């Protein structure tokens, strides 16, 4: 195969892949196409070209983080995070944080405080010198591309805080 022909084949493959990425972003279901549909769908799953890439959408919510302000007997304070021991623990902490900020939760204040208290208990266990733990949830919402071009940048914003004292 000569060099020119090989370049055209690779160009065709690249363009075909880009078409599949576009179709995936538009939520087109390729598996319904007779004949090649199942093969294209399988290729999309393997290559990632069938994903809609929703994280670029304007309605995507921000990141949530949990910080803990620990105060010891001498009134010294420091900010720590709970470094997850495992991936599952990291997922669990993220789920708890999302439930604390969930605006649809009934009896929201009591529920939020109970969840924050359970996390604070973990902090007290990991930091036995702590006499007070403040649980702080912050969110960083992404700015739009237009806002970014005009100089705006995403910043962490405190959305919840609760303090607990160890007797």
Foldseek 3Di string as FASTA:
>chain_A
DDPVVVVVVVVVVVVVLVVLLVCLLVVNQQCPDPDCSVVSVVVCVVVVSNHNPCVLPPPDFWDKAKWKWFQFPVRDTDIDGDDDPDPVSVVVVRVLLCLLPDPVDPVNVVSNVVSQVVVVVVVCVVPVRGFKMKIWMWTWGADHPVCVVVPDGTDIDTDDIDMDGDD
